[in-house]
């Protein structure tokens, strides 16, 4: 499996599931992945914002611009 195929497979597996998005600034966003494009622009539902590990805000939907994203990972907690 090529790298591109592996990434595409990963994205398909996590779509609609809880994820953690870490930004370059160190802020974490946790929510359900609604959409992810080729530029790493991310749309989340049921979004929570964490700063220094502490919950700061809750949003219904959130859009995160891809150039701010450090990484995206699956979340271990249930939403």
PDB file of N, CA and C in Angstrom:
ATOM      1  N   UNK A   1       0.847  -1.172   0.000  1.00  0.00           N
ATOM      2  CA  UNK A   1       0.000   0.000   0.000  1.00  0.00           C
ATOM      3  C   UNK A   1       0.897   1.241   0.000  1.00  0.00           C
ATOM      4  N   UNK A   2       0.607   2.156  -0.887  1.00  0.00           N
ATOM      5  CA  UNK A   2       1.403   3.383  -0.972  1.00  0.00           C
ATOM      6  C   UNK A   2       1.054   4.306   0.199  1.00  0.00           C
ATOM      7  N   UNK A   3       1.884   5.295   0.390  1.00  0.00           N
ATOM      8  CA  UNK A   3       1.668   6.260   1.467  1.00  0.00           C
ATOM      9  C   UNK A   3       0.350   7.024   1.279  1.00  0.00           C
ATOM     10  N   UNK A   4       0.074   7.391   0.040  1.00  0.00           N
ATOM     11  CA  UNK A   4      -1.165   8.122  -0.267  1.00  0.00           C
ATOM     12  C   UNK A   4      -2.386   7.253   0.014  1.00  0.00           C
ATOM     13  N   UNK A   5      -2.308   5.977  -0.343  1.00  0.00           N
ATOM     14  CA  UNK A   5      -3.414   5.057  -0.087  1.00  0.00           C
ATOM     15  C   UNK A   5      -3.611   4.850   1.418  1.00  0.00           C
ATOM     16  N   UNK A   6      -2.512   4.777   2.170  1.00  0.00           N
ATOM     17  CA  UNK A   6      -2.589   4.587   3.617  1.00  0.00           C
ATOM     18  C   UNK A   6      -3.249   5.797   4.278  1.00  0.00           C
ATOM     19  N   UNK A   7      -2.887   6.995   3.833  1.00  0.00           N
ATOM     20  CA  UNK A   7      -3.481   8.208   4.382  1.00  0.00           C
ATOM     21  C   UNK A   7      -4.973   8.269   4.061  1.00  0.00           C
ATOM     22  N   UNK A   8      -5.317   7.954   2.830  1.00  0.00           N
ATOM     23  CA  UNK A   8      -6.721   7.956   2.415  1.00  0.00           C
ATOM     24  C   UNK A   8      -7.525   6.949   3.242  1.00  0.00           C
ATOM     25  N   UNK A   9      -6.960   5.790   3.479  1.00  0.00           N
ATOM     26  CA  UNK A   9      -7.615   4.762   4.283  1.00  0.00           C
ATOM     27  C   UNK A   9      -7.816   5.241   5.725  1.00  0.00           C
ATOM     28  N   UNK A  10      -6.790   5.891   6.292  1.00  0.00           N
ATOM     29  CA  UNK A  10      -6.886   6.425   7.654  1.00  0.00           C
ATOM     30  C   UNK A  10      -8.005   7.455   7.748  1.00  0.00           C
ATOM     31  N   UNK A  11      -8.069   8.361   6.796  1.00  0.00           N
ATOM     32  CA  UNK A  11      -9.096   9.408   6.797  1.00  0.00           C
ATOM     33  C   UNK A  11     -10.484   8.786   6.718  1.00  0.00           C
ATOM     34  N   UNK A  12     -10.654   7.776   5.874  1.00  0.00           N
ATOM     35  CA  UNK A  12     -11.954   7.105   5.761  1.00  0.00           C
ATOM     36  C   UNK A  12     -12.340   6.422   7.069  1.00  0.00           C
ATOM     37  N   UNK A  13     -11.362   5.857   7.767  1.00  0.00           N
ATOM     38  CA  UNK A  13     -11.636   5.156   9.021  1.00  0.00           C
ATOM     39  C   UNK A  13     -12.060   6.099  10.135  1.00  0.00           C
ATOM     40  N   UNK A  14     -11.498   7.308  10.169  1.00  0.00           N
ATOM     41  CA  UNK A  14     -11.792   8.216  11.283  1.00  0.00           C
ATOM     42  C   UNK A  14     -12.943   9.176  11.004  1.00  0.00           C
ATOM     43  N   UNK A  15     -13.422   9.235   9.783  1.00  0.00           N
ATOM     44  CA  UNK A  15     -14.537  10.129   9.452  1.00  0.00           C
ATOM     45  C   UNK A  15     -15.754   9.748  10.291  1.00  0.00           C
ATOM     46  N   UNK A  16     -16.322  10.743  10.993  1.00  0.00           N
ATOM     47  CA  UNK A  16     -17.475  10.503  11.842  1.00  0.00           C
ATOM     48  C   UNK A  16     -17.130   9.992  13.231  1.00  0.00           C
ATOM     49  N   UNK A  17     -15.831   9.919  13.539  1.00  0.00           N
ATOM     50  CA  UNK A  17     -15.394   9.422  14.842  1.00  0.00           C
ATOM     51  C   UNK A  17     -14.727  10.539  15.644  1.00  0.00           C
ATOM     52  N   UNK A  18     -14.639  10.385  16.966  1.00  0.00           N
ATOM     53  CA  UNK A  18     -13.970  11.396  17.794  1.00  0.00           C
ATOM     54  C   UNK A  18     -12.481  11.497  17.474  1.00  0.00           C
ATOM     55  N   UNK A  19     -11.985  12.730  17.363  1.00  0.00           N
ATOM     56  CA  UNK A  19     -10.569  12.979  17.080  1.00  0.00           C
ATOM     57  C   UNK A  19     -10.053  14.104  17.976  1.00  0.00           C
ATOM     58  N   UNK A  20      -8.731  14.179  18.054  1.00  0.00           N
ATOM     59  CA  UNK A  20      -8.045  15.288  18.709  1.00  0.00           C
ATOM     60  C   UNK A  20      -7.216  15.983  17.639  1.00  0.00           C
ATOM     61  N   UNK A  21      -7.379  17.298  17.527  1.00  0.00           N
ATOM     62  CA  UNK A  21      -6.601  18.099  16.583  1.00  0.00           C
ATOM     63  C   UNK A  21      -5.708  19.026  17.403  1.00  0.00           C
ATOM     64  N   UNK A  22      -4.397  18.875  17.258  1.00  0.00           N
ATOM     65  CA  UNK A  22      -3.433  19.716  17.976  1.00  0.00           C
ATOM     66  C   UNK A  22      -2.946  20.796  17.025  1.00  0.00           C
ATOM     67  N   UNK A  23      -3.017  22.048  17.473  1.00  0.00           N
ATOM     68  CA  UNK A  23      -2.568  23.173  16.655  1.00  0.00           C
ATOM     69  C   UNK A  23      -1.119  23.522  16.965  1.00  0.00           C
ATOM     70  N   UNK A  24      -0.493  24.259  16.068  1.00  0.00           N
ATOM     71  CA  UNK A  24       0.879  24.714  16.264  1.00  0.00           C
ATOM     72  C   UNK A  24       1.018  25.539  17.538  1.00  0.00           C
ATOM     73  N   UNK A  25      -0.046  26.197  17.954  1.00  0.00           N
ATOM     74  CA  UNK A  25      -0.037  27.038  19.155  1.00  0.00           C
ATOM     75  C   UNK A  25      -0.085  26.216  20.445  1.00  0.00           C
ATOM     76  N   UNK A  26      -0.351  24.910  20.336  1.00  0.00           N
ATOM     77  CA  UNK A  26      -0.445  24.055  21.503  1.00  0.00           C
ATOM     78  C   UNK A  26      -1.867  23.798  21.964  1.00  0.00           C
ATOM     79  N   UNK A  27      -2.833  24.481  21.378  1.00  0.00           N
ATOM     80  CA  UNK A  27      -4.245  24.299  21.734  1.00  0.00           C
ATOM     81  C   UNK A  27      -4.763  23.004  21.105  1.00  0.00           C
ATOM     82  N   UNK A  28      -5.576  22.266  21.860  1.00  0.00           N
ATOM     83  CA  UNK A  28      -6.207  21.039  21.362  1.00  0.00           C
ATOM     84  C   UNK A  28      -7.679  21.291  21.105  1.00  0.00           C
ATOM     85  N   UNK A  29      -8.182  20.722  20.024  1.00  0.00           N
ATOM     86  CA  UNK A  29      -9.617  20.707  19.748  1.00  0.00           C
ATOM     87  C   UNK A  29     -10.037  19.250  19.671  1.00  0.00           C
ATOM     88  N   UNK A  30     -11.080  18.914  20.395  1.00  0.00           N
ATOM     89  CA  UNK A  30     -11.588  17.545  20.409  1.00  0.00           C
ATOM     90  C   UNK A  30     -13.027  17.570  19.937  1.00  0.00           C
ATOM     91  N   UNK A  31     -13.330  16.702  18.994  1.00  0.00           N
ATOM     92  CA  UNK A  31     -14.677  16.646  18.456  1.00  0.00           C
ATOM     93  C   UNK A  31     -14.833  15.505  17.478  1.00  0.00           C
ATOM     94  N   UNK A  32     -15.970  15.470  16.840  1.00  0.00           N
ATOM     95  CA  UNK A  32     -16.274  14.431  15.854  1.00  0.00           C
ATOM     96  C   UNK A  32     -15.894  14.967  14.478  1.00  0.00           C
ATOM     97  N   UNK A  33     -15.062  14.222  13.764  1.00  0.00           N
ATOM     98  CA  UNK A  33     -14.597  14.652  12.449  1.00  0.00           C
ATOM     99  C   UNK A  33     -15.735  14.628  11.440  1.00  0.00           C
ATOM    100  N   UNK A  34     -16.070  15.801  10.913  1.00  0.00           N
ATOM    101  CA  UNK A  34     -17.133  15.913   9.916  1.00  0.00           C
ATOM    102  C   UNK A  34     -16.555  15.945   8.508  1.00  0.00           C
ATOM    103  N   UNK A  35     -15.387  16.596   8.344  1.00  0.00           N
ATOM    104  CA  UNK A  35     -14.807  16.749   7.013  1.00  0.00           C
ATOM    105  C   UNK A  35     -13.316  17.056   7.135  1.00  0.00           C
ATOM    106  N   UNK A  36     -12.555  16.564   6.186  1.00  0.00           N
ATOM    107  CA  UNK A  36     -11.120  16.818   6.108  1.00  0.00           C
ATOM    108  C   UNK A  36     -10.738  16.865   4.638  1.00  0.00           C
ATOM    109  N   UNK A  37     -10.071  17.947   4.229  1.00  0.00           N
ATOM    110  CA  UNK A  37      -9.697  18.050   2.815  1.00  0.00           C
ATOM    111  C   UNK A  37      -8.188  17.878   2.629  1.00  0.00           C
ATOM    112  N   UNK A  38      -7.746  17.993   1.409  1.00  0.00           N
ATOM    113  CA  UNK A  38      -6.343  17.794   1.062  1.00  0.00           C
ATOM    114  C   UNK A  38      -5.396  18.830   1.622  1.00  0.00           C
ATOM    115  N   UNK A  39      -5.919  19.942   2.088  1.00  0.00           N
ATOM    116  CA  UNK A  39      -5.096  20.991   2.694  1.00  0.00           C
ATOM    117  C   UNK A  39      -5.088  20.890   4.219  1.00  0.00           C
ATOM    118  N   UNK A  40      -5.655  19.802   4.758  1.00  0.00           N
ATOM    119  CA  UNK A  40      -5.786  19.572   6.198  1.00  0.00           C
ATOM    120  C   UNK A  40      -6.766  20.540   6.850  1.00  0.00           C
ATOM    121  N   UNK A  41      -7.623  21.210   6.067  1.00  0.00           N
ATOM    122  CA  UNK A  41      -8.721  21.978   6.648  1.00  0.00           C
ATOM    123  C   UNK A  41      -9.675  20.972   7.275  1.00  0.00           C
ATOM    124  N   UNK A  42     -10.099  21.250   8.501  1.00  0.00           N
ATOM    125  CA  UNK A  42     -10.863  20.275   9.268  1.00  0.00           C
ATOM    126  C   UNK A  42     -12.167  20.897   9.759  1.00  0.00           C
ATOM    127  N   UNK A  43     -13.256  20.170   9.598  1.00  0.00           N
ATOM    128  CA  UNK A  43     -14.540  20.556  10.182  1.00  0.00           C
ATOM    129  C   UNK A  43     -14.860  19.549  11.280  1.00  0.00           C
ATOM    130  N   UNK A  44     -15.155  20.071  12.474  1.00  0.00           N
ATOM    131  CA  UNK A  44     -15.492  19.227  13.620  1.00  0.00           C
ATOM    132  C   UNK A  44     -16.889  19.557  14.115  1.00  0.00           C
ATOM    133  N   UNK A  45     -17.554  18.575  14.679  1.00  0.00           N
ATOM    134  CA  UNK A  45     -18.836  18.749  15.350  1.00  0.00           C
ATOM    135  C   UNK A  45     -18.624  18.440  16.827  1.00  0.00           C
ATOM    136  N   UNK A  46     -19.492  18.984  17.688  1.00  0.00           N
ATOM    137  CA  UNK A  46     -19.410  18.754  19.130  1.00  0.00           C
ATOM    138  C   UNK A  46     -18.006  19.068  19.648  1.00  0.00           C
ATOM    139  N   UNK A  47     -17.502  20.218  19.275  1.00  0.00           N
ATOM    140  CA  UNK A  47     -16.110  20.574  19.506  1.00  0.00           C
ATOM    141  C   UNK A  47     -15.869  21.163  20.888  1.00  0.00           C
ATOM    142  N   UNK A  48     -14.764  20.740  21.499  1.00  0.00           N
ATOM    143  CA  UNK A  48     -14.303  21.282  22.775  1.00  0.00           C
ATOM    144  C   UNK A  48     -12.890  21.805  22.587  1.00  0.00           C
ATOM    145  N   UNK A  49     -12.605  22.964  23.166  1.00  0.00           N
ATOM    146  CA  UNK A  49     -11.285  23.588  23.073  1.00  0.00           C
ATOM    147  C   UNK A  49     -10.555  23.420  24.411  1.00  0.00           C
ATOM    148  N   UNK A  50      -9.340  22.884  24.357  1.00  0.00           N
ATOM    149  CA  UNK A  50      -8.526  22.674  25.551  1.00  0.00           C
ATOM    150  C   UNK A  50      -7.240  23.487  25.442  1.00  0.00           C
ATOM    151  N   UNK A  51      -6.953  24.251  26.493  1.00  0.00           N
ATOM    152  CA  UNK A  51      -5.717  25.023  26.580  1.00  0.00           C
ATOM    153  C   UNK A  51      -4.984  24.532  27.824  1.00  0.00           C
ATOM    154  N   UNK A  52      -3.753  24.101  27.650  1.00  0.00           N
ATOM    155  CA  UNK A  52      -2.964  23.537  28.752  1.00  0.00           C
ATOM    156  C   UNK A  52      -3.714  22.401  29.459  1.00  0.00           C
ATOM    157  N   UNK A  53      -4.427  21.597  28.676  1.00  0.00           N
ATOM    158  CA  UNK A  53      -5.138  20.451  29.211  1.00  0.00           C
ATOM    159  C   UNK A  53      -6.459  20.756  29.901  1.00  0.00           C
ATOM    160  N   UNK A  54      -6.852  22.030  29.945  1.00  0.00           N
ATOM    161  CA  UNK A  54      -8.094  22.403  30.615  1.00  0.00           C
ATOM    162  C   UNK A  54      -9.137  22.864  29.605  1.00  0.00           C
ATOM    163  N   UNK A  55     -10.363  22.412  29.790  1.00  0.00           N
ATOM    164  CA  UNK A  55     -11.466  22.791  28.913  1.00  0.00           C
ATOM    165  C   UNK A  55     -11.718  24.288  29.023  1.00  0.00           C
ATOM    166  N   UNK A  56     -11.696  24.984  27.874  1.00  0.00           N
ATOM    167  CA  UNK A  56     -11.924  26.435  27.846  1.00  0.00           C
ATOM    168  C   UNK A  56     -13.262  26.804  27.213  1.00  0.00           C
ATOM    169  N   UNK A  57     -13.617  26.147  26.123  1.00  0.00           N
ATOM    170  CA  UNK A  57     -14.855  26.470  25.410  1.00  0.00           C
ATOM    171  C   UNK A  57     -15.450  25.226  24.775  1.00  0.00           C
ATOM    172  N   UNK A  58     -16.762  25.299  24.523  1.00  0.00           N
ATOM    173  CA  UNK A  58     -17.457  24.257  23.764  1.00  0.00           C
ATOM    174  C   UNK A  58     -18.128  24.930  22.585  1.00  0.00           C
ATOM    175  N   UNK A  59     -18.012  24.310  21.415  1.00  0.00           N
ATOM    176  CA  UNK A  59     -18.611  24.826  20.189  1.00  0.00           C
ATOM    177  C   UNK A  59     -19.454  23.721  19.563  1.00  0.00           C
ATOM    178  N   UNK A  60     -20.514  24.095  18.893  1.00  0.00           N
ATOM    179  CA  UNK A  60     -21.293  23.102  18.163  1.00  0.00           C
ATOM    180  C   UNK A  60     -20.477  22.578  16.993  1.00  0.00           C
ATOM    181  N   UNK A  61     -20.117  23.476  16.085  1.00  0.00           N
ATOM    182  CA  UNK A  61     -19.308  23.144  14.920  1.00  0.00           C
ATOM    183  C   UNK A  61     -18.094  24.057  14.895  1.00  0.00           C
ATOM    184  N   UNK A  62     -16.984  23.546  14.381  1.00  0.00           N
ATOM    185  CA  UNK A  62     -15.776  24.363  14.282  1.00  0.00           C
ATOM    186  C   UNK A  62     -15.055  24.029  12.985  1.00  0.00           C
ATOM    187  N   UNK A  63     -14.448  25.047  12.396  1.00  0.00           N
ATOM    188  CA  UNK A  63     -13.641  24.874  11.192  1.00  0.00           C
ATOM    189  C   UNK A  63     -12.220  25.287  11.540  1.00  0.00           C
ATOM    190  N   UNK A  64     -11.267  24.417  11.270  1.00  0.00           N
ATOM    191  CA  UNK A  64      -9.864  24.683  11.577  1.00  0.00           C
ATOM    192  C   UNK A  64      -9.085  24.724  10.273  1.00  0.00           C
ATOM    193  N   UNK A  65      -8.405  25.826  10.053  1.00  0.00           N
ATOM    194  CA  UNK A  65      -7.614  25.985   8.836  1.00  0.00           C
ATOM    195  C   UNK A  65      -6.382  25.083   8.901  1.00  0.00           C
ATOM    196  N   UNK A  66      -6.120  24.402   7.805  1.00  0.00           N
ATOM    197  CA  UNK A  66      -5.082  23.382   7.760  1.00  0.00           C
ATOM    198  C   UNK A  66      -3.677  23.842   8.102  1.00  0.00           C
ATOM    199  N   UNK A  67      -3.325  25.091   7.780  1.00  0.00           N
ATOM    200  CA  UNK A  67      -1.950  25.514   8.047  1.00  0.00           C
ATOM    201  C   UNK A  67      -1.674  25.697   9.538  1.00  0.00           C
ATOM    202  N   UNK A  68      -2.701  25.625  10.390  1.00  0.00           N
ATOM    203  CA  UNK A  68      -2.529  25.710  11.841  1.00  0.00           C
ATOM    204  C   UNK A  68      -2.401  24.351  12.509  1.00  0.00           C
ATOM    205  N   UNK A  69      -2.615  23.271  11.755  1.00  0.00           N
ATOM    206  CA  UNK A  69      -2.695  21.927  12.327  1.00  0.00           C
ATOM    207  C   UNK A  69      -1.305  21.307  12.456  1.00  0.00           C
ATOM    208  N   UNK A  70      -0.983  20.874  13.681  1.00  0.00           N
ATOM    209  CA  UNK A  70       0.252  20.141  13.924  1.00  0.00           C
ATOM    210  C   UNK A  70       0.021  18.657  13.651  1.00  0.00           C
ATOM    211  N   UNK A  71      -1.071  18.111  14.226  1.00  0.00           N
ATOM    212  CA  UNK A  71      -1.442  16.726  13.935  1.00  0.00           C
ATOM    213  C   UNK A  71      -2.913  16.485  14.248  1.00  0.00           C
ATOM    214  N   UNK A  72      -3.404  15.364  13.747  1.00  0.00           N
ATOM    215  CA  UNK A  72      -4.749  14.898  14.054  1.00  0.00           C
ATOM    216  C   UNK A  72      -4.629  13.442  14.470  1.00  0.00           C
ATOM    217  N   UNK A  73      -5.322  13.072  15.536  1.00  0.00           N
ATOM    218  CA  UNK A  73      -5.273  11.685  15.998  1.00  0.00           C
ATOM    219  C   UNK A  73      -6.654  11.253  16.459  1.00  0.00           C
ATOM    220  N   UNK A  74      -6.830   9.953  16.563  1.00  0.00           N
ATOM    221  CA  UNK A  74      -8.098   9.445  17.063  1.00  0.00           C
ATOM    222  C   UNK A  74      -8.155   9.671  18.566  1.00  0.00           C
ATOM    223  N   UNK A  75      -9.352   9.882  19.052  1.00  0.00           N
ATOM    224  CA  UNK A  75      -9.560  10.152  20.472  1.00  0.00           C
ATOM    225  C   UNK A  75      -9.903   8.855  21.188  1.00  0.00           C
ATOM    226  N   UNK A  76      -9.399   8.703  22.396  1.00  0.00           N
ATOM    227  CA  UNK A  76      -9.697   7.508  23.176  1.00  0.00           C
ATOM    228  C   UNK A  76     -11.000   7.647  23.959  1.00  0.00           C
ATOM    229  N   UNK A  77     -11.427   8.893  24.196  1.00  0.00           N
ATOM    230  CA  UNK A  77     -12.637   9.090  24.995  1.00  0.00           C
ATOM    231  C   UNK A  77     -13.859   9.097  24.101  1.00  0.00           C
ATOM    232  N   UNK A  78     -14.989   8.748  24.667  1.00  0.00           N
ATOM    233  CA  UNK A  78     -16.239   8.755  23.917  1.00  0.00           C
ATOM    234  C   UNK A  78     -16.895  10.102  24.008  1.00  0.00           C
ATOM    235  N   UNK A  79     -17.611  10.473  22.918  1.00  0.00           N
ATOM    236  CA  UNK A  79     -18.288  11.769  22.892  1.00  0.00           C
ATOM    237  C   UNK A  79     -19.768  11.523  22.823  1.00  0.00           C
TER     238      UNK A  79
END
